Amino acid sequence: MNNYLKKLQLRHRRIDRLIDTSKSAGKQEEVKALKRIRLQIKDRITELQPGRQSVPQ
């Protein structure tokens, strides 16, 4: 599980860099899609972090 969490964190950082690169290239649709993916990954990271309780929605 810890290894999976680290992979998610790495993927999140990579997407951050892609978003920054895409913004400067003027690719708004790609940026929107990447931000959605980044948010999904961030939510999953939060769920998996030790000591975190998921809040029912």
PDB file of N, CA and C in Angstrom:
ATOM      1  N   MET A   1       0.829  -1.190   0.000  1.00  0.00           N
ATOM      2  CA  MET A   1       0.000   0.000   0.000  1.00  0.00           C
ATOM      3  C   MET A   1       0.874   1.254   0.000  1.00  0.00           C
ATOM      4  N   ASN A   2       1.924   1.279   0.788  1.00  0.00           N
ATOM      5  CA  ASN A   2       2.816   2.431   0.855  1.00  0.00           C
ATOM      6  C   ASN A   2       3.457   2.692  -0.508  1.00  0.00           C
ATOM      7  N   ASN A   3       3.840   1.628  -1.195  1.00  0.00           N
ATOM      8  CA  ASN A   3       4.429   1.757  -2.527  1.00  0.00           C
ATOM      9  C   ASN A   3       3.409   2.350  -3.508  1.00  0.00           C
ATOM     10  N   TYR A   4       2.174   1.907  -3.399  1.00  0.00           N
ATOM     11  CA  TYR A   4       1.099   2.422  -4.250  1.00  0.00           C
ATOM     12  C   TYR A   4       0.883   3.915  -3.988  1.00  0.00           C
ATOM     13  N   LEU A   5       0.912   4.306  -2.733  1.00  0.00           N
ATOM     14  CA  LEU A   5       0.753   5.710  -2.362  1.00  0.00           C
ATOM     15  C   LEU A   5       1.883   6.557  -2.944  1.00  0.00           C
ATOM     16  N   LYS A   6       3.099   6.051  -2.881  1.00  0.00           N
ATOM     17  CA  LYS A   6       4.242   6.778  -3.443  1.00  0.00           C
ATOM     18  C   LYS A   6       4.105   6.931  -4.954  1.00  0.00           C
ATOM     19  N   LYS A   7       3.604   5.893  -5.622  1.00  0.00           N
ATOM     20  CA  LYS A   7       3.395   5.969  -7.070  1.00  0.00           C
ATOM     21  C   LYS A   7       2.347   7.025  -7.412  1.00  0.00           C
ATOM     22  N   LEU A   8       1.287   7.085  -6.602  1.00  0.00           N
ATOM     23  CA  LEU A   8       0.260   8.098  -6.830  1.00  0.00           C
ATOM     24  C   LEU A   8       0.820   9.503  -6.637  1.00  0.00           C
ATOM     25  N   GLN A   9       1.635   9.685  -5.607  1.00  0.00           N
ATOM     26  CA  GLN A   9       2.232  10.996  -5.350  1.00  0.00           C
ATOM     27  C   GLN A   9       3.160  11.405  -6.493  1.00  0.00           C
ATOM     28  N   LEU A  10       3.917  10.462  -7.005  1.00  0.00           N
ATOM     29  CA  LEU A  10       4.804  10.737  -8.133  1.00  0.00           C
ATOM     30  C   LEU A  10       3.992  11.115  -9.373  1.00  0.00           C
ATOM     31  N   ARG A  11       2.924  10.377  -9.610  1.00  0.00           N
ATOM     32  CA  ARG A  11       2.063  10.672 -10.759  1.00  0.00           C
ATOM     33  C   ARG A  11       1.444  12.069 -10.622  1.00  0.00           C
ATOM     34  N   HIS A  12       1.056  12.422  -9.410  1.00  0.00           N
ATOM     35  CA  HIS A  12       0.479  13.747  -9.151  1.00  0.00           C
ATOM     36  C   HIS A  12       1.487  14.845  -9.489  1.00  0.00           C
ATOM     37  N   ARG A  13       2.734  14.664  -9.072  1.00  0.00           N
ATOM     38  CA  ARG A  13       3.779  15.658  -9.368  1.00  0.00           C
ATOM     39  C   ARG A  13       4.032  15.765 -10.871  1.00  0.00           C
ATOM     40  N   ARG A  14       4.027  14.626 -11.551  1.00  0.00           N
ATOM     41  CA  ARG A  14       4.242  14.641 -13.006  1.00  0.00           C
ATOM     42  C   ARG A  14       3.122  15.386 -13.726  1.00  0.00           C
ATOM     43  N   ILE A  15       1.900  15.166 -13.284  1.00  0.00           N
ATOM     44  CA  ILE A  15       0.770  15.860 -13.896  1.00  0.00           C
ATOM     45  C   ILE A  15       0.865  17.357 -13.625  1.00  0.00           C
ATOM     46  N   ASP A  16       1.325  17.741 -12.431  1.00  0.00           N
ATOM     47  CA  ASP A  16       1.548  19.164 -12.140  1.00  0.00           C
ATOM     48  C   ASP A  16       2.487  19.783 -13.169  1.00  0.00           C
ATOM     49  N   ARG A  17       3.567  19.083 -13.459  1.00  0.00           N
ATOM     50  CA  ARG A  17       4.530  19.599 -14.439  1.00  0.00           C
ATOM     51  C   ARG A  17       3.908  19.674 -15.835  1.00  0.00           C
ATOM     52  N   LEU A  18       3.113  18.654 -16.186  1.00  0.00           N
ATOM     53  CA  LEU A  18       2.441  18.670 -17.489  1.00  0.00           C
ATOM     54  C   LEU A  18       1.480  19.851 -17.600  1.00  0.00           C
ATOM     55  N   ILE A  19       0.768  20.129 -16.516  1.00  0.00           N
ATOM     56  CA  ILE A  19      -0.164  21.256 -16.512  1.00  0.00           C
ATOM     57  C   ILE A  19       0.595  22.556 -16.734  1.00  0.00           C
ATOM     58  N   ASP A  20       1.701  22.723 -16.027  1.00  0.00           N
ATOM     59  CA  ASP A  20       2.503  23.939 -16.195  1.00  0.00           C
ATOM     60  C   ASP A  20       2.996  24.087 -17.633  1.00  0.00           C
ATOM     61  N   THR A  21       3.451  22.994 -18.214  1.00  0.00           N
ATOM     62  CA  THR A  21       3.944  23.014 -19.587  1.00  0.00           C
ATOM     63  C   THR A  21       2.814  23.314 -20.570  1.00  0.00           C
ATOM     64  N   SER A  22       1.664  22.706 -20.348  1.00  0.00           N
ATOM     65  CA  SER A  22       0.530  22.891 -21.255  1.00  0.00           C
ATOM     66  C   SER A  22      -0.036  24.300 -21.172  1.00  0.00           C
ATOM     67  N   LYS A  23      -0.007  24.898 -19.983  1.00  0.00           N
ATOM     68  CA  LYS A  23      -0.497  26.277 -19.836  1.00  0.00           C
ATOM     69  C   LYS A  23       0.308  27.221 -20.717  1.00  0.00           C
ATOM     70  N   SER A  24       1.609  27.053 -20.691  1.00  0.00           N
ATOM     71  CA  SER A  24       2.457  27.948 -21.479  1.00  0.00           C
ATOM     72  C   SER A  24       2.297  27.700 -22.977  1.00  0.00           C
ATOM     73  N   ALA A  25       1.854  26.510 -23.339  1.00  0.00           N
ATOM     74  CA  ALA A  25       1.660  26.190 -24.752  1.00  0.00           C
ATOM     75  C   ALA A  25       0.251  26.562 -25.228  1.00  0.00           C
ATOM     76  N   GLY A  26      -0.612  27.010 -24.302  1.00  0.00           N
ATOM     77  CA  GLY A  26      -1.954  27.440 -24.674  1.00  0.00           C
ATOM     78  C   GLY A  26      -2.921  26.314 -24.982  1.00  0.00           C
ATOM     79  N   LYS A  27      -2.813  25.207 -24.304  1.00  0.00           N
ATOM     80  CA  LYS A  27      -3.682  24.051 -24.543  1.00  0.00           C
ATOM     81  C   LYS A  27      -4.723  23.952 -23.424  1.00  0.00           C
ATOM     82  N   GLN A  28      -5.757  24.787 -23.495  1.00  0.00           N
ATOM     83  CA  GLN A  28      -6.737  24.878 -22.418  1.00  0.00           C
ATOM     84  C   GLN A  28      -7.501  23.577 -22.174  1.00  0.00           C
ATOM     85  N   GLU A  29      -7.920  22.898 -23.227  1.00  0.00           N
ATOM     86  CA  GLU A  29      -8.687  21.653 -23.062  1.00  0.00           C
ATOM     87  C   GLU A  29      -7.836  20.573 -22.397  1.00  0.00           C
ATOM     88  N   GLU A  30      -6.580  20.497 -22.806  1.00  0.00           N
ATOM     89  CA  GLU A  30      -5.673  19.521 -22.202  1.00  0.00           C
ATOM     90  C   GLU A  30      -5.444  19.848 -20.726  1.00  0.00           C
ATOM     91  N   VAL A  31      -5.303  21.115 -20.415  1.00  0.00           N
ATOM     92  CA  VAL A  31      -5.099  21.544 -19.029  1.00  0.00           C
ATOM     93  C   VAL A  31      -6.307  21.162 -18.181  1.00  0.00           C
ATOM     94  N   LYS A  32      -7.522  21.381 -18.693  1.00  0.00           N
ATOM     95  CA  LYS A  32      -8.735  21.023 -17.954  1.00  0.00           C
ATOM     96  C   LYS A  32      -8.786  19.527 -17.674  1.00  0.00           C
ATOM     97  N   ALA A  33      -8.454  18.722 -18.674  1.00  0.00           N
ATOM     98  CA  ALA A  33      -8.467  17.268 -18.499  1.00  0.00           C
ATOM     99  C   ALA A  33      -7.416  16.834 -17.479  1.00  0.00           C
ATOM    100  N   LEU A  34      -6.230  17.415 -17.563  1.00  0.00           N
ATOM    101  CA  LEU A  34      -5.162  17.073 -16.621  1.00  0.00           C
ATOM    102  C   LEU A  34      -5.526  17.478 -15.198  1.00  0.00           C
ATOM    103  N   LYS A  35      -6.180  18.602 -15.044  1.00  0.00           N
ATOM    104  CA  LYS A  35      -6.589  19.047 -13.709  1.00  0.00           C
ATOM    105  C   LYS A  35      -7.615  18.100 -13.103  1.00  0.00           C
ATOM    106  N   ARG A  36      -8.528  17.583 -13.935  1.00  0.00           N
ATOM    107  CA  ARG A  36      -9.504  16.606 -13.442  1.00  0.00           C
ATOM    108  C   ARG A  36      -8.803  15.339 -12.961  1.00  0.00           C
ATOM    109  N   ILE A  37      -7.856  14.868 -13.751  1.00  0.00           N
ATOM    110  CA  ILE A  37      -7.106  13.667 -13.380  1.00  0.00           C
ATOM    111  C   ILE A  37      -6.313  13.914 -12.107  1.00  0.00           C
ATOM    112  N   ARG A  38      -5.671  15.084 -12.031  1.00  0.00           N
ATOM    113  CA  ARG A  38      -4.872  15.425 -10.851  1.00  0.00           C
ATOM    114  C   ARG A  38      -5.741  15.441  -9.597  1.00  0.00           C
ATOM    115  N   LEU A  39      -6.943  15.979  -9.700  1.00  0.00           N
ATOM    116  CA  LEU A  39      -7.845  16.028  -8.556  1.00  0.00           C
ATOM    117  C   LEU A  39      -8.259  14.623  -8.120  1.00  0.00           C
ATOM    118  N   GLN A  40      -8.531  13.742  -9.077  1.00  0.00           N
ATOM    119  CA  GLN A  40      -8.882  12.362  -8.743  1.00  0.00           C
ATOM    120  C   GLN A  40      -7.733  11.677  -8.009  1.00  0.00           C
ATOM    121  N   ILE A  41      -6.521  11.897  -8.482  1.00  0.00           N
ATOM    122  CA  ILE A  41      -5.351  11.297  -7.840  1.00  0.00           C
ATOM    123  C   ILE A  41      -5.178  11.867  -6.441  1.00  0.00           C
ATOM    124  N   LYS A  42      -5.338  13.172  -6.296  1.00  0.00           N
ATOM    125  CA  LYS A  42      -5.200  13.816  -4.983  1.00  0.00           C
ATOM    126  C   LYS A  42      -6.230  13.262  -4.002  1.00  0.00           C
ATOM    127  N   ASP A  43      -7.460  13.066  -4.452  1.00  0.00           N
ATOM    128  CA  ASP A  43      -8.497  12.487  -3.598  1.00  0.00           C
ATOM    129  C   ASP A  43      -8.114  11.077  -3.164  1.00  0.00           C
ATOM    130  N   ARG A  44      -7.577  10.305  -4.084  1.00  0.00           N
ATOM    131  CA  ARG A  44      -7.163   8.929  -3.765  1.00  0.00           C
ATOM    132  C   ARG A  44      -5.999   8.930  -2.773  1.00  0.00           C
ATOM    133  N   ILE A  45      -5.041   9.836  -2.957  1.00  0.00           N
ATOM    134  CA  ILE A  45      -3.910   9.953  -2.032  1.00  0.00           C
ATOM    135  C   ILE A  45      -4.428  10.263  -0.631  1.00  0.00           C
ATOM    136  N   THR A  46      -5.359  11.201  -0.539  1.00  0.00           N
ATOM    137  CA  THR A  46      -5.926  11.588   0.753  1.00  0.00           C
ATOM    138  C   THR A  46      -6.607  10.400   1.421  1.00  0.00           C
ATOM    139  N   GLU A  47      -7.325   9.601   0.645  1.00  0.00           N
ATOM    140  CA  GLU A  47      -7.999   8.417   1.188  1.00  0.00           C
ATOM    141  C   GLU A  47      -7.003   7.409   1.753  1.00  0.00           C
ATOM    142  N   LEU A  48      -5.859   7.283   1.111  1.00  0.00           N
ATOM    143  CA  LEU A  48      -4.902   6.241   1.468  1.00  0.00           C
ATOM    144  C   LEU A  48      -3.901   6.652   2.540  1.00  0.00           C
ATOM    145  N   GLN A  49      -3.786   7.941   2.810  1.00  0.00           N
ATOM    146  CA  GLN A  49      -2.790   8.382   3.781  1.00  0.00           C
ATOM    147  C   GLN A  49      -3.145   7.870   5.171  1.00  0.00           C
ATOM    148  N   PRO A  50      -2.133   7.390   5.889  1.00  0.00           N
ATOM    149  CA  PRO A  50      -2.373   6.888   7.246  1.00  0.00           C
ATOM    150  C   PRO A  50      -2.925   7.993   8.149  1.00  0.00           C
ATOM    151  N   GLY A  51      -3.855   7.610   9.011  1.00  0.00           N
ATOM    152  CA  GLY A  51      -4.421   8.562   9.951  1.00  0.00           C
ATOM    153  C   GLY A  51      -5.529   9.409   9.374  1.00  0.00           C
ATOM    154  N   ARG A  52      -5.823   9.220   8.103  1.00  0.00           N
ATOM    155  CA  ARG A  52      -6.888   9.996   7.463  1.00  0.00           C
ATOM    156  C   ARG A  52      -8.166   9.174   7.461  1.00  0.00           C
ATOM    157  N   GLN A  53      -9.250   9.807   7.763  1.00  0.00           N
ATOM    158  CA  GLN A  53     -10.550   9.165   7.682  1.00  0.00           C
ATOM    159  C   GLN A  53     -11.292   9.790   6.517  1.00  0.00           C
ATOM    160  N   SER A  54     -11.888   8.959   5.691  1.00  0.00           N
ATOM    161  CA  SER A  54     -12.644   9.517   4.576  1.00  0.00           C
ATOM    162  C   SER A  54     -13.975  10.048   5.096  1.00  0.00           C
ATOM    163  N   VAL A  55     -14.386  11.165   4.550  1.00  0.00           N
ATOM    164  CA  VAL A  55     -15.632  11.799   4.952  1.00  0.00           C
ATOM    165  C   VAL A  55     -16.706  11.381   3.969  1.00  0.00           C
ATOM    166  N   PRO A  56     -17.816  10.821   4.471  1.00  0.00           N
ATOM    167  CA  PRO A  56     -18.887  10.416   3.551  1.00  0.00           C
ATOM    168  C   PRO A  56     -19.467  11.622   2.835  1.00  0.00           C
ATOM    169  N   GLN A  57     -19.803  11.424   1.562  1.00  0.00           N
ATOM    170  CA  GLN A  57     -20.350  12.540   0.777  1.00  0.00           C
ATOM    171  C   GLN A  57     -21.811  12.352   0.542  1.00  0.00           C
TER     172      GLN A  57
END
